[in-house]
Amino acid sequence: MNTFVRFGSFSVVSPERVARPLAGLAEALMEALGEDSRVVSVFDLTVLNEEWCHDGPYFPSPPEDGELLGASPWRAVEFSDAIRFEVEVPAKNQRGFEEHEEIPTRYRIWWNGVVVLVSWEMAANTFPGMAGGHIIEEILEAAIEKVGYTLLVQGCNPTCTYRFAHSTVWLRPGDVNQVKIQYLPGNFPTAVLARVPLADMSDSLAALYGDIIMPLILFTRVKNLGRRVLDLEESARRDLAELLSLNSRHAELGLFGFREKIERRWALRGWRKQGRRLVARLWLQLAEAEAMRRTWSEQNFAFQRRLVRGMDALFARDAHNEADQVKSLDFSLLRSAVEDAATRQDNHALIAVTAAGAIAGALAGAVVSGILAG
């Protein structure tokens, strides 16, 4: 039999800081899983070290309204030990991706609240289709909602319907003298061959989990931060387009006749106030995007250092989606455009104030001249 594993970012999140101790949440989740008829067994937690359990910021993508600027209200929970369980679901009750693909019916799951590993066995010379493991999202979502939390899944991009990383790990026995797992490209698309030391083959999933859990956690953080940077940059570009359109429509007023100019000026009433709001929001977005990119760079450096013994093959298709885009971002063009638009806003205000002062001075002079003449 062949053993295959898929991994993904399946995070249990809360809209507020999670109450301690987190062991209570882990036990509640295990109880909820055990009540699901599709779950055939839930294993006791071996160790749950409260000091190594965390709840940190999580940034949904695309963001909800009002959740783009400032600290994220969402907190993702990470347990120090994995919740382990097994499920059995008929193939007809699982979502398929391709015609005639063989869908497994029994899975083993290791999940630490942030990262999930799903494994199953298939007959020799049989390779998995895309459907394998996706039923786990539905099972986790039901259990998480039962205890009052939310499941957020982070795919390769916000629109992708494939919920795991685009790599399928094929666990195979390694060489006699091998001490640690070695990772190699497999012989079918998206496959990564993990050659496991013979001493660890009795529980190869446990060996794999222990070997790659830290790279997976860092990968989840890097991907989440990268999406946030890209969302901030995209929002800033939208706001800049709105600001430039506002300034352009005001500058074009002189091209129209008296009646149409009055109508267009009325439609643009309050444009300076709206423009100042957009400029202030743009500066905030740029500042946060640059700060977030620095954090992303630090986490990405830590992630890259963890990729040893061929582990980079696990992330070959997914790690570059955001990374290449984040690295190529150039905020200097946006910053220059905002500065120019803000300067135009200030110039319009200065001209208006100067004109008002000149008119007031002329009126005052006329009044004084009239008084003197009288």
Protein backbone atom coordinates (compact mmCIF):
# COMPACT_ATOMS: atom_id res chain seq x y z
CA MET A 1 0.00 0.00 0.00
CA ASN A 2 1.06 3.58 -0.67
CA THR A 3 0.62 6.28 1.99
CA PHE A 4 -0.13 9.83 0.82
CA VAL A 5 -0.33 13.05 2.81
CA ARG A 6 -1.72 16.50 2.07
CA PHE A 7 -1.21 19.59 4.22
CA GLY A 8 -2.94 22.93 4.43
CA SER A 9 -3.56 26.05 6.51
CA PHE A 10 -6.81 25.33 8.39
CA SER A 11 -6.96 27.86 11.24
CA VAL A 12 -9.39 28.04 14.15
CA VAL A 13 -9.91 31.76 14.72
CA SER A 14 -11.77 34.05 17.08
CA PRO A 15 -12.79 37.71 16.66
CA GLU A 16 -11.22 38.44 20.05
CA ARG A 17 -8.34 37.25 22.23
CA VAL A 18 -8.94 33.65 23.27
CA ALA A 19 -9.39 32.94 26.98
CA ARG A 20 -6.73 30.86 28.70
CA PRO A 21 -6.10 28.04 29.33
CA LEU A 22 -6.23 26.85 25.73
CA ALA A 23 -6.39 23.24 26.91
CA GLY A 24 -10.09 23.82 27.52
CA LEU A 25 -10.60 24.78 23.87
CA ALA A 26 -8.63 21.75 22.66
CA GLU A 27 -10.75 19.43 24.81
CA ALA A 28 -13.97 21.06 23.57
CA LEU A 29 -12.87 20.61 19.96
CA MET A 30 -12.00 16.96 20.57
CA GLU A 31 -15.40 16.39 22.16
CA ALA A 32 -17.15 18.06 19.21
CA LEU A 33 -15.17 15.93 16.77
CA GLY A 34 -16.08 12.80 18.68
CA GLU A 35 -19.79 13.63 18.29
CA ASP A 36 -19.47 13.64 14.49
CA SER A 37 -20.66 10.33 13.03
CA ARG A 38 -17.94 10.51 10.38
CA VAL A 39 -15.19 10.54 13.02
CA VAL A 40 -14.36 6.97 14.05
CA SER A 41 -11.78 7.79 16.73
CA VAL A 42 -10.21 10.76 18.53
CA PHE A 43 -6.89 10.12 20.26
CA ASP A 44 -5.90 11.60 23.61
CA LEU A 45 -3.49 14.52 23.51
CA THR A 46 -0.06 13.29 24.54
CA VAL A 47 1.11 16.66 25.86
CA LEU A 48 -0.42 20.12 25.80
CA ASN A 49 2.07 22.68 27.07
CA GLU A 50 0.17 25.87 27.82
CA GLU A 51 3.35 27.96 27.51
CA TRP A 52 3.78 26.78 23.92
CA CYS A 53 0.15 27.42 22.93
CA HIS A 54 -0.43 30.73 21.17
CA ASP A 55 -3.13 32.94 19.79
CA GLY A 56 -1.79 35.45 17.30
CA PRO A 57 -3.15 37.85 14.68
CA TYR A 58 -4.75 36.44 11.55
CA PHE A 59 -5.58 38.48 8.45
CA PRO A 60 -8.50 37.20 6.34
CA SER A 61 -8.17 37.73 2.60
CA PRO A 62 -10.03 39.45 1.10
CA PRO A 63 -10.52 41.53 4.27
CA GLU A 64 -13.92 42.40 5.69
CA ASP A 65 -15.09 46.03 5.49
CA GLY A 66 -13.28 48.15 8.06
CA GLU A 67 -10.72 45.40 8.84
CA LEU A 68 -7.94 46.50 6.51
CA LEU A 69 -6.25 49.19 8.60
CA GLY A 70 -4.94 48.67 12.11
CA ALA A 71 -4.56 45.48 14.10
CA SER A 72 -6.59 42.53 12.88
CA PRO A 73 -9.53 41.66 15.17
CA TRP A 74 -9.05 37.97 14.33
CA ARG A 75 -6.89 35.69 16.49
CA ALA A 76 -5.66 32.28 15.30
CA VAL A 77 -5.11 29.56 17.91
CA GLU A 78 -2.06 27.30 17.75
CA PHE A 79 -1.82 24.29 20.07
CA SER A 80 1.51 22.91 21.25
CA ASP A 81 0.42 19.38 20.33
CA ALA A 82 -1.66 18.03 17.46
CA ILE A 83 -5.26 16.91 17.82
CA ARG A 84 -5.27 13.48 16.17
CA PHE A 85 -8.34 11.71 14.85
CA GLU A 86 -9.52 9.32 12.14
CA VAL A 87 -12.55 9.64 9.87
CA GLU A 88 -14.38 7.37 7.48
CA VAL A 89 -16.64 8.79 4.77
CA PRO A 90 -18.07 7.01 1.70
CA ALA A 91 -16.69 8.31 -1.59
CA LYS A 92 -20.20 9.33 -2.72
CA ASN A 93 -20.38 11.79 0.20
CA GLN A 94 -17.14 13.57 -0.74
CA ARG A 95 -16.64 16.38 -3.22
CA GLY A 96 -14.99 15.22 -6.43
CA PHE A 97 -12.74 17.23 -8.72
CA GLU A 98 -12.21 14.93 -11.69
CA GLU A 99 -14.17 12.21 -13.43
CA HIS A 100 -13.33 8.61 -12.53
CA GLU A 101 -10.86 9.60 -9.82
CA GLU A 102 -10.46 7.21 -6.92
CA ILE A 103 -11.52 8.91 -3.68
CA PRO A 104 -10.20 7.48 -0.40
CA THR A 105 -12.73 6.73 2.32
CA ARG A 106 -10.58 6.57 5.49
CA TYR A 107 -8.21 9.30 6.69
CA ARG A 108 -5.83 10.00 9.57
CA ILE A 109 -5.57 13.66 10.63
CA TRP A 110 -3.03 15.61 12.67
CA TRP A 111 -4.12 19.21 13.33
CA ASN A 112 -2.59 21.79 15.69
CA GLY A 113 -5.22 24.51 15.21
CA VAL A 114 -3.32 26.18 12.35
CA VAL A 115 -1.89 23.45 10.13
CA VAL A 116 -3.53 20.16 9.17
CA LEU A 117 -1.95 16.97 7.80
CA VAL A 118 -4.31 14.44 6.22
CA SER A 119 -3.09 10.96 5.26
CA TRP A 120 -4.62 7.92 3.59
CA GLU A 121 -3.57 4.68 1.96
CA MET A 122 -4.11 3.52 -1.60
CA ALA A 123 -3.22 0.38 -3.48
CA ALA A 124 0.22 0.15 -5.08
CA ASN A 125 0.47 1.75 -8.54
CA THR A 126 -2.57 3.91 -7.72
CA PHE A 127 -2.06 7.65 -7.49
CA PRO A 128 -4.39 10.16 -5.81
CA GLY A 129 -6.68 12.54 -7.62
CA MET A 130 -7.47 16.03 -6.35
CA ALA A 131 -10.42 15.07 -4.13
CA GLY A 132 -8.50 13.20 -1.43
CA GLY A 133 -8.78 14.86 1.99
CA HIS A 134 -11.14 17.74 1.21
CA ILE A 135 -13.92 16.29 3.35
CA ILE A 136 -11.80 17.23 6.38
CA GLU A 137 -12.64 20.92 5.90
CA GLU A 138 -16.35 20.17 6.37
CA ILE A 139 -15.69 18.04 9.47
CA LEU A 140 -13.40 20.61 11.12
CA GLU A 141 -15.76 23.46 10.28
CA ALA A 142 -18.69 21.68 11.97
CA ALA A 143 -16.67 20.97 15.14
CA ILE A 144 -15.21 24.49 15.32
CA GLU A 145 -18.58 26.18 14.87
CA LYS A 146 -20.05 23.95 17.58
CA VAL A 147 -17.61 25.43 20.14
CA GLY A 148 -18.27 29.00 18.98
CA TYR A 149 -15.23 29.66 16.77
CA THR A 150 -14.62 30.03 13.03
CA LEU A 151 -12.56 28.01 10.54
CA LEU A 152 -10.57 30.03 8.01
CA VAL A 153 -8.78 28.13 5.25
CA GLN A 154 -5.88 29.79 3.45
CA GLY A 155 -5.48 28.43 -0.06
CA CYS A 156 -2.84 29.31 -2.63
CA ASN A 157 -4.94 32.42 -3.38
CA PRO A 158 -8.33 33.72 -2.16
CA THR A 159 -10.23 32.37 -5.18
CA CYS A 160 -8.71 28.87 -5.38
CA THR A 161 -11.15 26.03 -4.60
CA TYR A 162 -8.33 23.56 -3.91
CA ARG A 163 -7.96 23.88 -0.14
CA PHE A 164 -4.57 22.26 0.42
CA ALA A 165 -1.07 23.17 -0.70
CA HIS A 166 -0.48 21.96 -4.26
CA SER A 167 1.82 19.16 -3.15
CA THR A 168 0.99 15.57 -2.30
CA VAL A 169 3.54 13.83 -0.10
CA TRP A 170 4.22 10.17 -0.86
CA LEU A 171 5.70 8.38 2.17
CA ARG A 172 8.17 5.66 1.25
CA PRO A 173 10.83 3.75 3.24
CA GLY A 174 14.31 5.21 3.04
CA ASP A 175 17.75 3.63 2.94
CA VAL A 176 19.06 1.37 5.70
CA ASN A 177 21.51 3.94 7.07
CA GLN A 178 19.19 6.94 6.69
CA VAL A 179 18.62 8.98 9.87
CA LYS A 180 16.31 11.80 8.75
CA ILE A 181 13.55 12.16 6.16
CA GLN A 182 14.74 13.17 2.69
CA TYR A 183 12.43 14.99 0.26
CA LEU A 184 12.61 14.48 -3.51
CA PRO A 185 10.41 15.32 -6.52
CA GLY A 186 7.94 12.47 -7.15
CA ASN A 187 7.13 10.67 -10.38
CA PHE A 188 3.66 12.17 -10.88
CA PRO A 189 2.54 15.83 -11.00
CA THR A 190 2.59 17.67 -7.63
CA ALA A 191 4.12 14.63 -5.89
CA VAL A 192 6.91 14.98 -3.34
CA LEU A 193 8.59 11.74 -2.33
CA ALA A 194 9.41 11.63 1.39
CA ARG A 195 11.86 8.84 2.12
CA VAL A 196 11.38 7.97 5.80
CA PRO A 197 14.05 6.20 7.91
CA LEU A 198 13.14 2.56 8.46
CA ALA A 199 13.01 3.07 12.22
CA ASP A 200 10.18 5.61 11.78
CA MET A 201 8.09 3.74 9.22
CA SER A 202 5.88 2.19 11.93
CA ASP A 203 4.31 5.66 12.31
CA SER A 204 5.48 7.57 9.28
CA LEU A 205 2.81 10.29 9.68
CA ALA A 206 4.08 11.12 13.17
CA ALA A 207 7.64 11.29 11.81
CA LEU A 208 6.56 13.59 8.98
CA TYR A 209 4.57 15.85 11.33
CA GLY A 210 7.50 16.25 13.70
CA ASP A 211 9.85 17.00 10.81
CA ILE A 212 7.86 19.64 8.94
CA ILE A 213 5.52 21.24 11.50
CA MET A 214 7.71 24.33 12.08
CA PRO A 215 8.23 25.01 8.34
CA LEU A 216 4.46 24.60 7.87
CA ILE A 217 3.65 27.07 10.66
CA LEU A 218 6.12 29.60 9.27
CA PHE A 219 4.77 29.02 5.75
CA THR A 220 1.25 29.80 7.00
CA ARG A 221 2.43 33.03 8.66
CA VAL A 222 4.43 34.15 5.63
CA LYS A 223 1.53 33.47 3.28
CA ASN A 224 -0.93 35.28 5.54
CA LEU A 225 1.32 38.34 5.90
CA GLY A 226 2.00 38.36 2.16
CA ARG A 227 -1.72 38.41 1.36
CA ARG A 228 -2.15 41.31 3.80
CA VAL A 229 0.58 43.35 2.10
CA LEU A 230 -0.99 42.73 -1.31
CA ASP A 231 -4.47 43.61 -0.03
CA LEU A 232 -3.15 46.89 1.42
CA GLU A 233 -1.37 47.76 -1.84
CA GLU A 234 -4.46 46.96 -3.91
CA SER A 235 -6.67 49.07 -1.64
CA ALA A 236 -4.19 51.97 -1.83
CA ARG A 237 -4.26 51.85 -5.63
CA ARG A 238 -8.07 51.94 -5.63
CA ASP A 239 -8.10 54.94 -3.28
CA LEU A 240 -5.45 56.70 -5.36
CA ALA A 241 -7.51 56.18 -8.52
CA GLU A 242 -10.53 57.69 -6.74
CA LEU A 243 -8.46 60.67 -5.54
CA LEU A 244 -7.01 61.33 -9.00
CA SER A 245 -10.47 61.07 -10.56
CA LEU A 246 -11.78 63.58 -8.02
CA ASN A 247 -8.98 66.06 -8.78
CA SER A 248 -9.39 65.54 -12.53
CA ARG A 249 -13.14 66.19 -12.45
CA HIS A 250 -12.55 69.42 -10.52
CA ALA A 251 -9.78 70.56 -12.90
CA GLU A 252 -12.09 70.04 -15.91
CA LEU A 253 -14.80 72.41 -14.63
CA GLY A 254 -13.33 75.27 -16.69
CA LEU A 255 -14.06 73.36 -19.90
CA PHE A 256 -17.85 73.61 -19.55
CA GLY A 257 -20.41 76.34 -20.04
CA PHE A 258 -21.90 78.30 -17.17
CA ARG A 259 -25.00 76.15 -16.59
CA GLU A 260 -23.19 72.79 -16.87
CA LYS A 261 -20.34 74.08 -14.74
CA ILE A 262 -22.80 74.94 -11.95
CA GLU A 263 -24.33 71.46 -12.15
CA ARG A 264 -20.95 69.72 -12.08
CA ARG A 265 -19.69 71.93 -9.25
CA TRP A 266 -22.77 71.03 -7.25
CA ALA A 267 -22.12 67.34 -7.90
CA LEU A 268 -18.54 67.83 -6.62
CA ARG A 269 -19.57 69.68 -3.44
CA GLY A 270 -17.38 68.63 -0.53
CA TRP A 271 -14.66 67.37 -2.86
CA ARG A 272 -11.84 68.90 -0.80
CA LYS A 273 -13.06 67.20 2.37
CA GLN A 274 -13.36 63.89 0.53
CA GLY A 275 -9.91 64.39 -1.00
CA ARG A 276 -8.31 65.07 2.39
CA ARG A 277 -9.93 61.91 3.77
CA LEU A 278 -8.53 59.87 0.87
CA VAL A 279 -5.04 61.36 1.29
CA ALA A 280 -5.02 60.56 5.02
CA ARG A 281 -6.22 57.00 4.36
CA LEU A 282 -3.58 56.53 1.64
CA TRP A 283 -0.75 57.56 3.96
CA LEU A 284 -2.01 55.11 6.58
CA GLN A 285 -2.21 52.29 4.02
CA LEU A 286 1.28 52.94 2.71
CA ALA A 287 2.76 53.11 6.20
CA GLU A 288 1.06 49.87 7.25
CA ALA A 289 1.96 48.07 4.01
CA GLU A 290 5.66 48.95 4.39
CA ALA A 291 5.69 47.93 8.07
CA MET A 292 3.89 44.68 7.22
CA ARG A 293 6.37 43.93 4.43
CA ARG A 294 9.26 44.27 6.89
CA THR A 295 7.56 41.73 9.16
CA TRP A 296 6.93 39.49 6.15
CA SER A 297 10.64 39.67 5.21
CA GLU A 298 11.67 38.60 8.73
CA GLN A 299 9.24 35.66 8.76
CA ASN A 300 10.16 34.65 5.21
CA PHE A 301 13.85 34.60 6.17
CA ALA A 302 13.05 32.32 9.12
CA PHE A 303 10.95 30.11 6.84
CA GLN A 304 13.67 29.76 4.20
CA ARG A 305 16.22 28.77 6.85
CA ARG A 306 13.99 25.87 7.87
CA LEU A 307 13.92 24.33 4.40
CA VAL A 308 16.50 21.54 4.64
CA ARG A 309 16.93 18.11 3.07
CA GLY A 310 14.88 19.03 0.01
CA MET A 311 11.88 20.47 1.91
CA ASP A 312 11.61 23.32 -0.58
CA ALA A 313 9.97 20.77 -2.93
CA LEU A 314 6.94 20.77 -0.59
CA PHE A 315 6.31 24.45 -1.26
CA ALA A 316 7.54 24.73 -4.86
CA ARG A 317 4.12 25.67 -6.26
CA ASP A 318 2.67 27.65 -3.35
CA ALA A 319 5.46 29.63 -1.71
CA HIS A 320 6.07 31.83 -4.75
CA ASN A 321 2.49 33.05 -5.30
CA GLU A 322 2.73 35.95 -2.85
CA ALA A 323 6.50 36.01 -2.39
CA ASP A 324 7.31 37.12 -5.95
CA GLN A 325 4.58 39.77 -5.86
CA VAL A 326 5.53 41.14 -2.42
CA LYS A 327 9.20 41.38 -3.39
CA SER A 328 8.38 43.24 -6.60
CA LEU A 329 6.15 45.88 -4.97
CA ASP A 330 7.44 49.43 -5.41
CA PHE A 331 5.71 51.83 -3.03
CA SER A 332 7.75 54.83 -4.21
CA LEU A 333 5.47 55.36 -7.24
CA LEU A 334 2.37 55.29 -5.06
CA ARG A 335 4.00 57.61 -2.55
CA SER A 336 4.95 60.13 -5.26
CA ALA A 337 1.43 60.07 -6.69
CA VAL A 338 -0.09 60.69 -3.25
CA GLU A 339 2.33 63.54 -2.57
CA ASP A 340 1.44 65.16 -5.91
CA ALA A 341 -2.30 64.77 -5.33
CA ALA A 342 -1.99 66.13 -1.79
CA THR A 343 -0.01 69.12 -3.07
CA ARG A 344 -2.72 69.88 -5.63
CA GLN A 345 -5.32 69.73 -2.86
CA ASP A 346 -3.27 72.19 -0.78
CA ASN A 347 -2.76 74.51 -3.77
CA HIS A 348 -6.49 74.62 -4.49
CA ALA A 349 -7.15 75.49 -0.85
CA LEU A 350 -4.42 78.19 -0.88
CA ILE A 351 -5.80 79.75 -4.07
CA ALA A 352 -9.31 79.78 -2.59
CA VAL A 353 -8.11 81.43 0.63
CA THR A 354 -6.02 84.00 -1.28
CA ALA A 355 -8.92 84.84 -3.58
CA ALA A 356 -11.29 85.19 -0.63
CA GLY A 357 -8.79 87.49 1.10
CA ALA A 358 -8.41 89.64 -2.02
CA ILE A 359 -12.18 89.97 -2.41
CA ALA A 360 -12.62 90.81 1.26
CA GLY A 361 -9.85 93.43 1.01
CA ALA A 362 -11.42 94.99 -2.08
CA LEU A 363 -14.84 95.17 -0.41
CA ALA A 364 -13.35 96.69 2.71
CA GLY A 365 -11.51 99.28 0.60
CA ALA A 366 -14.69 100.18 -1.25
CA VAL A 367 -16.61 100.62 1.99
CA VAL A 368 -13.89 102.81 3.50
CA SER A 369 -13.69 104.90 0.29
CA GLY A 370 -17.43 105.35 0.37
CA ILE A 371 -17.34 106.46 3.98
CA LEU A 372 -14.55 108.94 3.31
CA ALA A 373 -16.27 110.26 0.22
CA GLY A 374 -19.45 110.74 2.25
